[in-house]
Amino acid sequence: MVYPFMTLDDGTEIVHSEMKEDGSVKVFIEKPVILGFHSVECWLPRYEWKNNDGFSDEELAFFDEFVHSLAHIIMDLAQKGGFDSASDF
């Protein structure tokens, strides 16, 4: 299952998976561009970045800082079934 998390001003979508049995959560980032999308995934809590398709090093550094600052919220939501199922948000 994938849960919406946030849409940035430039149209970048950030979604996350449910928490896996091993405690990991996949964060998927996708930005619309002409003729397609740029995308990348980050696995929490290891902050392991995979499958970068089109993002620059500068953009990845921004997303790394962004995900680090919100990882505790993403991990909590992943356990609860996203925003719709989380009663304390």
PDB file of N, CA and C in Angstrom:
ATOM      1  N   MET A   1       0.843  -1.181   0.000  1.00  0.00           N
ATOM      2  CA  MET A   1       0.000   0.000   0.000  1.00  0.00           C
ATOM      3  C   MET A   1       0.885   1.239   0.000  1.00  0.00           C
ATOM      4  N   VAL A   2       0.468   2.257  -0.715  1.00  0.00           N
ATOM      5  CA  VAL A   2       1.193   3.520  -0.773  1.00  0.00           C
ATOM      6  C   VAL A   2       0.273   4.626  -0.270  1.00  0.00           C
ATOM      7  N   TYR A   3       0.824   5.489   0.574  1.00  0.00           N
ATOM      8  CA  TYR A   3       0.049   6.564   1.187  1.00  0.00           C
ATOM      9  C   TYR A   3       0.606   7.923   0.777  1.00  0.00           C
ATOM     10  N   PRO A   4      -0.272   8.864   0.395  1.00  0.00           N
ATOM     11  CA  PRO A   4       0.207  10.214   0.075  1.00  0.00           C
ATOM     12  C   PRO A   4       0.738  10.898   1.325  1.00  0.00           C
ATOM     13  N   PHE A   5       1.808  11.660   1.166  1.00  0.00           N
ATOM     14  CA  PHE A   5       2.374  12.384   2.292  1.00  0.00           C
ATOM     15  C   PHE A   5       2.339  13.889   2.054  1.00  0.00           C
ATOM     16  N   MET A   6       2.892  14.335   0.907  1.00  0.00           N
ATOM     17  CA  MET A   6       2.986  15.774   0.682  1.00  0.00           C
ATOM     18  C   MET A   6       3.171  16.063  -0.805  1.00  0.00           C
ATOM     19  N   THR A   7       2.645  17.218  -1.211  1.00  0.00           N
ATOM     20  CA  THR A   7       2.903  17.755  -2.551  1.00  0.00           C
ATOM     21  C   THR A   7       3.598  19.099  -2.374  1.00  0.00           C
ATOM     22  N   LEU A   8       4.775  19.238  -2.969  1.00  0.00           N
ATOM     23  CA  LEU A   8       5.534  20.482  -2.884  1.00  0.00           C
ATOM     24  C   LEU A   8       5.010  21.481  -3.913  1.00  0.00           C
ATOM     25  N   ASP A   9       5.394  22.732  -3.769  1.00  0.00           N
ATOM     26  CA  ASP A   9       4.919  23.803  -4.646  1.00  0.00           C
ATOM     27  C   ASP A   9       5.225  23.564  -6.127  1.00  0.00           C
ATOM     28  N   ASP A  10       6.293  22.850  -6.425  1.00  0.00           N
ATOM     29  CA  ASP A  10       6.662  22.604  -7.823  1.00  0.00           C
ATOM     30  C   ASP A  10       5.991  21.361  -8.406  1.00  0.00           C
ATOM     31  N   GLY A  11       5.059  20.762  -7.655  1.00  0.00           N
ATOM     32  CA  GLY A  11       4.346  19.582  -8.123  1.00  0.00           C
ATOM     33  C   GLY A  11       4.970  18.266  -7.715  1.00  0.00           C
ATOM     34  N   THR A  12       6.105  18.309  -7.032  1.00  0.00           N
ATOM     35  CA  THR A  12       6.755  17.090  -6.564  1.00  0.00           C
ATOM     36  C   THR A  12       5.851  16.381  -5.562  1.00  0.00           C
ATOM     37  N   GLU A  13       5.604  15.100  -5.805  1.00  0.00           N
ATOM     38  CA  GLU A  13       4.773  14.282  -4.926  1.00  0.00           C
ATOM     39  C   GLU A  13       5.663  13.398  -4.064  1.00  0.00           C
ATOM     40  N   ILE A  14       5.318  13.304  -2.785  1.00  0.00           N
ATOM     41  CA  ILE A  14       6.034  12.431  -1.859  1.00  0.00           C
ATOM     42  C   ILE A  14       5.011  11.488  -1.259  1.00  0.00           C
ATOM     43  N   VAL A  15       5.259  10.198  -1.428  1.00  0.00           N
ATOM     44  CA  VAL A  15       4.388   9.167  -0.876  1.00  0.00           C
ATOM     45  C   VAL A  15       5.253   8.185  -0.095  1.00  0.00           C
ATOM     46  N   HIS A  16       4.607   7.368   0.729  1.00  0.00           N
ATOM     47  CA  HIS A  16       5.351   6.357   1.482  1.00  0.00           C
ATOM     48  C   HIS A  16       4.568   5.058   1.545  1.00  0.00           C
ATOM     49  N   SER A  17       5.287   3.986   1.787  1.00  0.00           N
ATOM     50  CA  SER A  17       4.676   2.669   1.923  1.00  0.00           C
ATOM     51  C   SER A  17       4.204   2.466   3.355  1.00  0.00           C
ATOM     52  N   GLU A  18       3.534   1.349   3.556  1.00  0.00           N
ATOM     53  CA  GLU A  18       3.274   0.904   4.921  1.00  0.00           C
ATOM     54  C   GLU A  18       4.595   0.419   5.508  1.00  0.00           C
ATOM     55  N   MET A  19       4.644   0.268   6.828  1.00  0.00           N
ATOM     56  CA  MET A  19       5.862  -0.248   7.444  1.00  0.00           C
ATOM     57  C   MET A  19       5.956  -1.750   7.156  1.00  0.00           C
ATOM     58  N   LYS A  20       7.098  -2.163   6.655  1.00  0.00           N
ATOM     59  CA  LYS A  20       7.342  -3.564   6.337  1.00  0.00           C
ATOM     60  C   LYS A  20       7.640  -4.344   7.624  1.00  0.00           C
ATOM     61  N   GLU A  21       7.614  -5.649   7.526  1.00  0.00           N
ATOM     62  CA  GLU A  21       7.867  -6.505   8.695  1.00  0.00           C
ATOM     63  C   GLU A  21       9.217  -6.227   9.339  1.00  0.00           C
ATOM     64  N   ASP A  22      10.202  -5.839   8.524  1.00  0.00           N
ATOM     65  CA  ASP A  22      11.536  -5.556   9.069  1.00  0.00           C
ATOM     66  C   ASP A  22      11.673  -4.141   9.626  1.00  0.00           C
ATOM     67  N   GLY A  23      10.563  -3.375   9.643  1.00  0.00           N
ATOM     68  CA  GLY A  23      10.579  -2.013  10.171  1.00  0.00           C
ATOM     69  C   GLY A  23      10.955  -0.949   9.159  1.00  0.00           C
ATOM     70  N   SER A  24      11.126  -1.317   7.900  1.00  0.00           N
ATOM     71  CA  SER A  24      11.520  -0.345   6.882  1.00  0.00           C
ATOM     72  C   SER A  24      10.297   0.283   6.222  1.00  0.00           C
ATOM     73  N   VAL A  25      10.511   1.466   5.673  1.00  0.00           N
ATOM     74  CA  VAL A  25       9.472   2.209   4.953  1.00  0.00           C
ATOM     75  C   VAL A  25      10.104   2.784   3.694  1.00  0.00           C
ATOM     76  N   LYS A  26       9.423   2.616   2.564  1.00  0.00           N
ATOM     77  CA  LYS A  26       9.893   3.176   1.301  1.00  0.00           C
ATOM     78  C   LYS A  26       9.237   4.538   1.101  1.00  0.00           C
ATOM     79  N   VAL A  27      10.056   5.555   0.891  1.00  0.00           N
ATOM     80  CA  VAL A  27       9.579   6.894   0.554  1.00  0.00           C
ATOM     81  C   VAL A  27       9.868   7.087  -0.936  1.00  0.00           C
ATOM     82  N   PHE A  28       8.839   7.458  -1.686  1.00  0.00           N
ATOM     83  CA  PHE A  28       8.991   7.622  -3.125  1.00  0.00           C
ATOM     84  C   PHE A  28       8.722   9.076  -3.473  1.00  0.00           C
ATOM     85  N   ILE A  29       9.639   9.673  -4.224  1.00  0.00           N
ATOM     86  CA  ILE A  29       9.545  11.080  -4.614  1.00  0.00           C
ATOM     87  C   ILE A  29       9.498  11.135  -6.130  1.00  0.00           C
ATOM     88  N   GLU A  30       8.507  11.868  -6.659  1.00  0.00           N
ATOM     89  CA  GLU A  30       8.324  11.969  -8.101  1.00  0.00           C
ATOM     90  C   GLU A  30       7.982  13.407  -8.473  1.00  0.00           C
ATOM     91  N   LYS A  31       8.720  13.944  -9.448  1.00  0.00           N
ATOM     92  CA  LYS A  31       8.524  15.327  -9.895  1.00  0.00           C
ATOM     93  C   LYS A  31       8.169  15.329 -11.379  1.00  0.00           C
ATOM     94  N   PRO A  32       7.047  15.978 -11.745  1.00  0.00           N
ATOM     95  CA  PRO A  32       6.706  16.053 -13.169  1.00  0.00           C
ATOM     96  C   PRO A  32       7.669  16.982 -13.911  1.00  0.00           C
ATOM     97  N   VAL A  33       8.109  16.531 -15.067  1.00  0.00           N
ATOM     98  CA  VAL A  33       8.958  17.329 -15.951  1.00  0.00           C
ATOM     99  C   VAL A  33       8.418  17.146 -17.372  1.00  0.00           C
ATOM    100  N   ILE A  34       8.902  17.959 -18.293  1.00  0.00           N
ATOM    101  CA  ILE A  34       8.464  17.814 -19.678  1.00  0.00           C
ATOM    102  C   ILE A  34       8.774  16.394 -20.145  1.00  0.00           C
ATOM    103  N   LEU A  35       7.789  15.752 -20.695  1.00  0.00           N
ATOM    104  CA  LEU A  35       7.889  14.383 -21.219  1.00  0.00           C
ATOM    105  C   LEU A  35       8.083  13.310 -20.153  1.00  0.00           C
ATOM    106  N   GLY A  36       7.622  13.562 -18.923  1.00  0.00           N
ATOM    107  CA  GLY A  36       7.723  12.485 -17.944  1.00  0.00           C
ATOM    108  C   GLY A  36       7.891  12.939 -16.518  1.00  0.00           C
ATOM    109  N   PHE A  37       8.703  12.193 -15.790  1.00  0.00           N
ATOM    110  CA  PHE A  37       8.916  12.427 -14.368  1.00  0.00           C
ATOM    111  C   PHE A  37      10.371  12.165 -14.002  1.00  0.00           C
ATOM    112  N   HIS A  38      10.846  12.857 -12.979  1.00  0.00           N
ATOM    113  CA  HIS A  38      12.068  12.468 -12.281  1.00  0.00           C
ATOM    114  C   HIS A  38      11.593  11.734 -11.042  1.00  0.00           C
ATOM    115  N   SER A  39      12.320  10.718 -10.625  1.00  0.00           N
ATOM    116  CA  SER A  39      11.899   9.954  -9.453  1.00  0.00           C
ATOM    117  C   SER A  39      13.094   9.381  -8.704  1.00  0.00           C
ATOM    118  N   VAL A  40      12.851   9.111  -7.434  1.00  0.00           N
ATOM    119  CA  VAL A  40      13.863   8.488  -6.586  1.00  0.00           C
ATOM    120  C   VAL A  40      13.150   7.867  -5.394  1.00  0.00           C
ATOM    121  N   GLU A  41      13.758   6.887  -4.781  1.00  0.00           N
ATOM    122  CA  GLU A  41      13.193   6.299  -3.570  1.00  0.00           C
ATOM    123  C   GLU A  41      14.230   6.298  -2.454  1.00  0.00           C
ATOM    124  N   CYS A  42      13.729   6.387  -1.249  1.00  0.00           N
ATOM    125  CA  CYS A  42      14.575   6.351  -0.062  1.00  0.00           C
ATOM    126  C   CYS A  42      13.984   5.343   0.907  1.00  0.00           C
ATOM    127  N   TRP A  43      14.826   4.456   1.414  1.00  0.00           N
ATOM    128  CA  TRP A  43      14.373   3.456   2.375  1.00  0.00           C
ATOM    129  C   TRP A  43      14.760   3.894   3.782  1.00  0.00           C
ATOM    130  N   LEU A  44      13.743   4.050   4.603  1.00  0.00           N
ATOM    131  CA  LEU A  44      13.945   4.391   6.014  1.00  0.00           C
ATOM    132  C   LEU A  44      13.924   3.115   6.841  1.00  0.00           C
ATOM    133  N   PRO A  45      14.575   3.019   7.951  1.00  0.00           N
ATOM    134  CA  PRO A  45      15.331   4.079   8.616  1.00  0.00           C
ATOM    135  C   PRO A  45      16.795   4.162   8.199  1.00  0.00           C
ATOM    136  N   ARG A  46      17.184   3.434   7.139  1.00  0.00           N
ATOM    137  CA  ARG A  46      18.591   3.426   6.715  1.00  0.00           C
ATOM    138  C   ARG A  46      18.970   4.647   5.883  1.00  0.00           C
ATOM    139  N   TYR A  47      17.984   5.412   5.409  1.00  0.00           N
ATOM    140  CA  TYR A  47      18.232   6.547   4.500  1.00  0.00           C
ATOM    141  C   TYR A  47      19.042   6.083   3.291  1.00  0.00           C
ATOM    142  N   GLU A  48      18.638   4.947   2.752  1.00  0.00           N
ATOM    143  CA  GLU A  48      19.296   4.360   1.587  1.00  0.00           C
ATOM    144  C   GLU A  48      18.569   4.824   0.325  1.00  0.00           C
ATOM    145  N   TRP A  49      19.256   5.618  -0.493  1.00  0.00           N
ATOM    146  CA  TRP A  49      18.675   6.180  -1.707  1.00  0.00           C
ATOM    147  C   TRP A  49      18.905   5.229  -2.867  1.00  0.00           C
ATOM    148  N   LYS A  50      17.824   4.970  -3.641  1.00  0.00           N
ATOM    149  CA  LYS A  50      17.910   4.026  -4.761  1.00  0.00           C
ATOM    150  C   LYS A  50      17.139   4.566  -5.960  1.00  0.00           C
ATOM    151  N   ASN A  51      17.505   4.056  -7.115  1.00  0.00           N
ATOM    152  CA  ASN A  51      16.753   4.248  -8.357  1.00  0.00           C
ATOM    153  C   ASN A  51      16.511   5.715  -8.706  1.00  0.00           C
ATOM    154  N   ASN A  52      17.557   6.513  -8.608  1.00  0.00           N
ATOM    155  CA  ASN A  52      17.429   7.916  -9.013  1.00  0.00           C
ATOM    156  C   ASN A  52      17.302   7.996 -10.528  1.00  0.00           C
ATOM    157  N   ASP A  53      16.241   8.627 -10.963  1.00  0.00           N
ATOM    158  CA  ASP A  53      16.018   8.821 -12.390  1.00  0.00           C
ATOM    159  C   ASP A  53      15.792  10.305 -12.657  1.00  0.00           C
ATOM    160  N   GLY A  54      16.884  11.051 -12.858  1.00  0.00           N
ATOM    161  CA  GLY A  54      16.782  12.428 -13.309  1.00  0.00           C
ATOM    162  C   GLY A  54      17.092  13.516 -12.304  1.00  0.00           C
ATOM    163  N   PHE A  55      17.136  13.222 -11.014  1.00  0.00           N
ATOM    164  CA  PHE A  55      17.417  14.263 -10.032  1.00  0.00           C
ATOM    165  C   PHE A  55      18.908  14.565  -9.976  1.00  0.00           C
ATOM    166  N   SER A  56      19.243  15.847  -9.842  1.00  0.00           N
ATOM    167  CA  SER A  56      20.637  16.274  -9.720  1.00  0.00           C
ATOM    168  C   SER A  56      21.148  15.997  -8.307  1.00  0.00           C
ATOM    169  N   ASP A  57      22.465  16.099  -8.126  1.00  0.00           N
ATOM    170  CA  ASP A  57      23.054  15.937  -6.792  1.00  0.00           C
ATOM    171  C   ASP A  57      22.505  16.980  -5.825  1.00  0.00           C
ATOM    172  N   GLU A  58      22.292  18.199  -6.311  1.00  0.00           N
ATOM    173  CA  GLU A  58      21.748  19.275  -5.470  1.00  0.00           C
ATOM    174  C   GLU A  58      20.314  18.948  -5.027  1.00  0.00           C
ATOM    175  N   GLU A  59      19.506  18.451  -5.953  1.00  0.00           N
ATOM    176  CA  GLU A  59      18.138  18.059  -5.603  1.00  0.00           C
ATOM    177  C   GLU A  59      18.133  16.908  -4.612  1.00  0.00           C
ATOM    178  N   LEU A  60      19.011  15.932  -4.811  1.00  0.00           N
ATOM    179  CA  LEU A  60      19.088  14.799  -3.885  1.00  0.00           C
ATOM    180  C   LEU A  60      19.508  15.254  -2.494  1.00  0.00           C
ATOM    181  N   ALA A  61      20.420  16.201  -2.413  1.00  0.00           N
ATOM    182  CA  ALA A  61      20.834  16.734  -1.111  1.00  0.00           C
ATOM    183  C   ALA A  61      19.655  17.412  -0.419  1.00  0.00           C
ATOM    184  N   PHE A  62      18.849  18.159  -1.170  1.00  0.00           N
ATOM    185  CA  PHE A  62      17.652  18.780  -0.606  1.00  0.00           C
ATOM    186  C   PHE A  62      16.697  17.714  -0.074  1.00  0.00           C
ATOM    187  N   PHE A  63      16.425  16.691  -0.890  1.00  0.00           N
ATOM    188  CA  PHE A  63      15.490  15.644  -0.457  1.00  0.00           C
ATOM    189  C   PHE A  63      16.033  14.855   0.728  1.00  0.00           C
ATOM    190  N   ASP A  64      17.343  14.654   0.769  1.00  0.00           N
ATOM    191  CA  ASP A  64      17.934  13.940   1.905  1.00  0.00           C
ATOM    192  C   ASP A  64      17.699  14.718   3.204  1.00  0.00           C
ATOM    193  N   GLU A  65      17.939  16.007   3.168  1.00  0.00           N
ATOM    194  CA  GLU A  65      17.696  16.846   4.345  1.00  0.00           C
ATOM    195  C   GLU A  65      16.201  16.871   4.690  1.00  0.00           C
ATOM    196  N   PHE A  66      15.373  16.975   3.677  1.00  0.00           N
ATOM    197  CA  PHE A  66      13.929  17.004   3.855  1.00  0.00           C
ATOM    198  C   PHE A  66      13.433  15.721   4.527  1.00  0.00           C
ATOM    199  N   VAL A  67      13.838  14.583   3.987  1.00  0.00           N
ATOM    200  CA  VAL A  67      13.396  13.299   4.538  1.00  0.00           C
ATOM    201  C   VAL A  67      13.939  13.095   5.954  1.00  0.00           C
ATOM    202  N   HIS A  68      15.191  13.474   6.187  1.00  0.00           N
ATOM    203  CA  HIS A  68      15.737  13.372   7.547  1.00  0.00           C
ATOM    204  C   HIS A  68      14.896  14.181   8.546  1.00  0.00           C
ATOM    205  N   SER A  69      14.442  15.357   8.140  1.00  0.00           N
ATOM    206  CA  SER A  69      13.706  16.218   9.069  1.00  0.00           C
ATOM    207  C   SER A  69      12.296  15.709   9.345  1.00  0.00           C
ATOM    208  N   LEU A  70      11.751  14.876   8.451  1.00  0.00           N
ATOM    209  CA  LEU A  70      10.374  14.404   8.612  1.00  0.00           C
ATOM    210  C   LEU A  70      10.253  12.894   8.793  1.00  0.00           C
ATOM    211  N   ALA A  71      11.370  12.206   8.886  1.00  0.00           N
ATOM    212  CA  ALA A  71      11.353  10.737   8.946  1.00  0.00           C
ATOM    213  C   ALA A  71      10.526  10.216  10.117  1.00  0.00           C
ATOM    214  N   HIS A  72      10.598  10.878  11.261  1.00  0.00           N
ATOM    215  CA  HIS A  72       9.845  10.396  12.422  1.00  0.00           C
ATOM    216  C   HIS A  72       8.340  10.440  12.159  1.00  0.00           C
ATOM    217  N   ILE A  73       7.877  11.434  11.426  1.00  0.00           N
ATOM    218  CA  ILE A  73       6.452  11.532  11.086  1.00  0.00           C
ATOM    219  C   ILE A  73       6.089  10.468  10.051  1.00  0.00           C
ATOM    220  N   ILE A  74       6.927  10.310   9.035  1.00  0.00           N
ATOM    221  CA  ILE A  74       6.675   9.315   7.995  1.00  0.00           C
ATOM    222  C   ILE A  74       6.626   7.915   8.601  1.00  0.00           C
ATOM    223  N   MET A  75       7.573   7.602   9.476  1.00  0.00           N
ATOM    224  CA  MET A  75       7.610   6.278  10.105  1.00  0.00           C
ATOM    225  C   MET A  75       6.343   6.045  10.938  1.00  0.00           C
ATOM    226  N   ASP A  76       5.905   7.059  11.660  1.00  0.00           N
ATOM    227  CA  ASP A  76       4.697   6.949  12.473  1.00  0.00           C
ATOM    228  C   ASP A  76       3.475   6.718  11.587  1.00  0.00           C
ATOM    229  N   LEU A  77       3.355   7.508  10.525  1.00  0.00           N
ATOM    230  CA  LEU A  77       2.222   7.356   9.610  1.00  0.00           C
ATOM    231  C   LEU A  77       2.239   5.989   8.915  1.00  0.00           C
ATOM    232  N   ALA A  78       3.415   5.491   8.593  1.00  0.00           N
ATOM    233  CA  ALA A  78       3.528   4.190   7.931  1.00  0.00           C
ATOM    234  C   ALA A  78       2.989   3.073   8.820  1.00  0.00           C
ATOM    235  N   GLN A  79       3.145   3.207  10.125  1.00  0.00           N
ATOM    236  CA  GLN A  79       2.620   2.222  11.063  1.00  0.00           C
ATOM    237  C   GLN A  79       1.109   2.331  11.208  1.00  0.00           C
ATOM    238  N   LYS A  80       0.570   3.525  11.029  1.00  0.00           N
ATOM    239  CA  LYS A  80      -0.852   3.776  11.281  1.00  0.00           C
ATOM    240  C   LYS A  80      -1.722   3.703  10.032  1.00  0.00           C
ATOM    241  N   GLY A  81      -1.118   3.583   8.870  1.00  0.00           N
ATOM    242  CA  GLY A  81      -1.906   3.521   7.647  1.00  0.00           C
ATOM    243  C   GLY A  81      -2.119   4.855   6.978  1.00  0.00           C
ATOM    244  N   GLY A  82      -1.169   5.764   7.107  1.00  0.00           N
ATOM    245  CA  GLY A  82      -1.249   7.059   6.448  1.00  0.00           C
ATOM    246  C   GLY A  82      -2.082   8.061   7.215  1.00  0.00           C
ATOM    247  N   PHE A  83      -2.196   9.264   6.651  1.00  0.00           N
ATOM    248  CA  PHE A  83      -2.933  10.354   7.292  1.00  0.00           C
ATOM    249  C   PHE A  83      -4.382   9.992   7.582  1.00  0.00           C
ATOM    250  N   ASP A  84      -5.039   9.318   6.648  1.00  0.00           N
ATOM    251  CA  ASP A  84      -6.454   9.013   6.809  1.00  0.00           C
ATOM    252  C   ASP A  84      -6.745   8.123   8.013  1.00  0.00           C
ATOM    253  N   SER A  85      -5.782   7.289   8.380  1.00  0.00           N
ATOM    254  CA  SER A  85      -5.980   6.375   9.510  1.00  0.00           C
ATOM    255  C   SER A  85      -5.382   6.892  10.812  1.00  0.00           C
ATOM    256  N   ALA A  86      -4.573   7.937  10.755  1.00  0.00           N
ATOM    257  CA  ALA A  86      -3.893   8.473  11.945  1.00  0.00           C
ATOM    258  C   ALA A  86      -4.799   9.492  12.631  1.00  0.00           C
ATOM    259  N   SER A  87      -5.256   9.176  13.805  1.00  0.00           N
ATOM    260  CA  SER A  87      -6.207  10.053  14.506  1.00  0.00           C
ATOM    261  C   SER A  87      -5.545  11.234  15.202  1.00  0.00           C
ATOM    262  N   ASP A  88      -4.226  11.186  15.381  1.00  0.00           N
ATOM    263  CA  ASP A  88      -3.554  12.263  16.107  1.00  0.00           C
ATOM    264  C   ASP A  88      -2.945  13.322  15.194  1.00  0.00           C
ATOM    265  N   PHE A  89      -3.291  13.316  13.893  1.00  0.00           N
ATOM    266  CA  PHE A  89      -2.805  14.342  12.955  1.00  0.00           C
ATOM    267  C   PHE A  89      -3.962  15.164  12.473  1.00  0.00           C
TER     268      PHE A  89
END
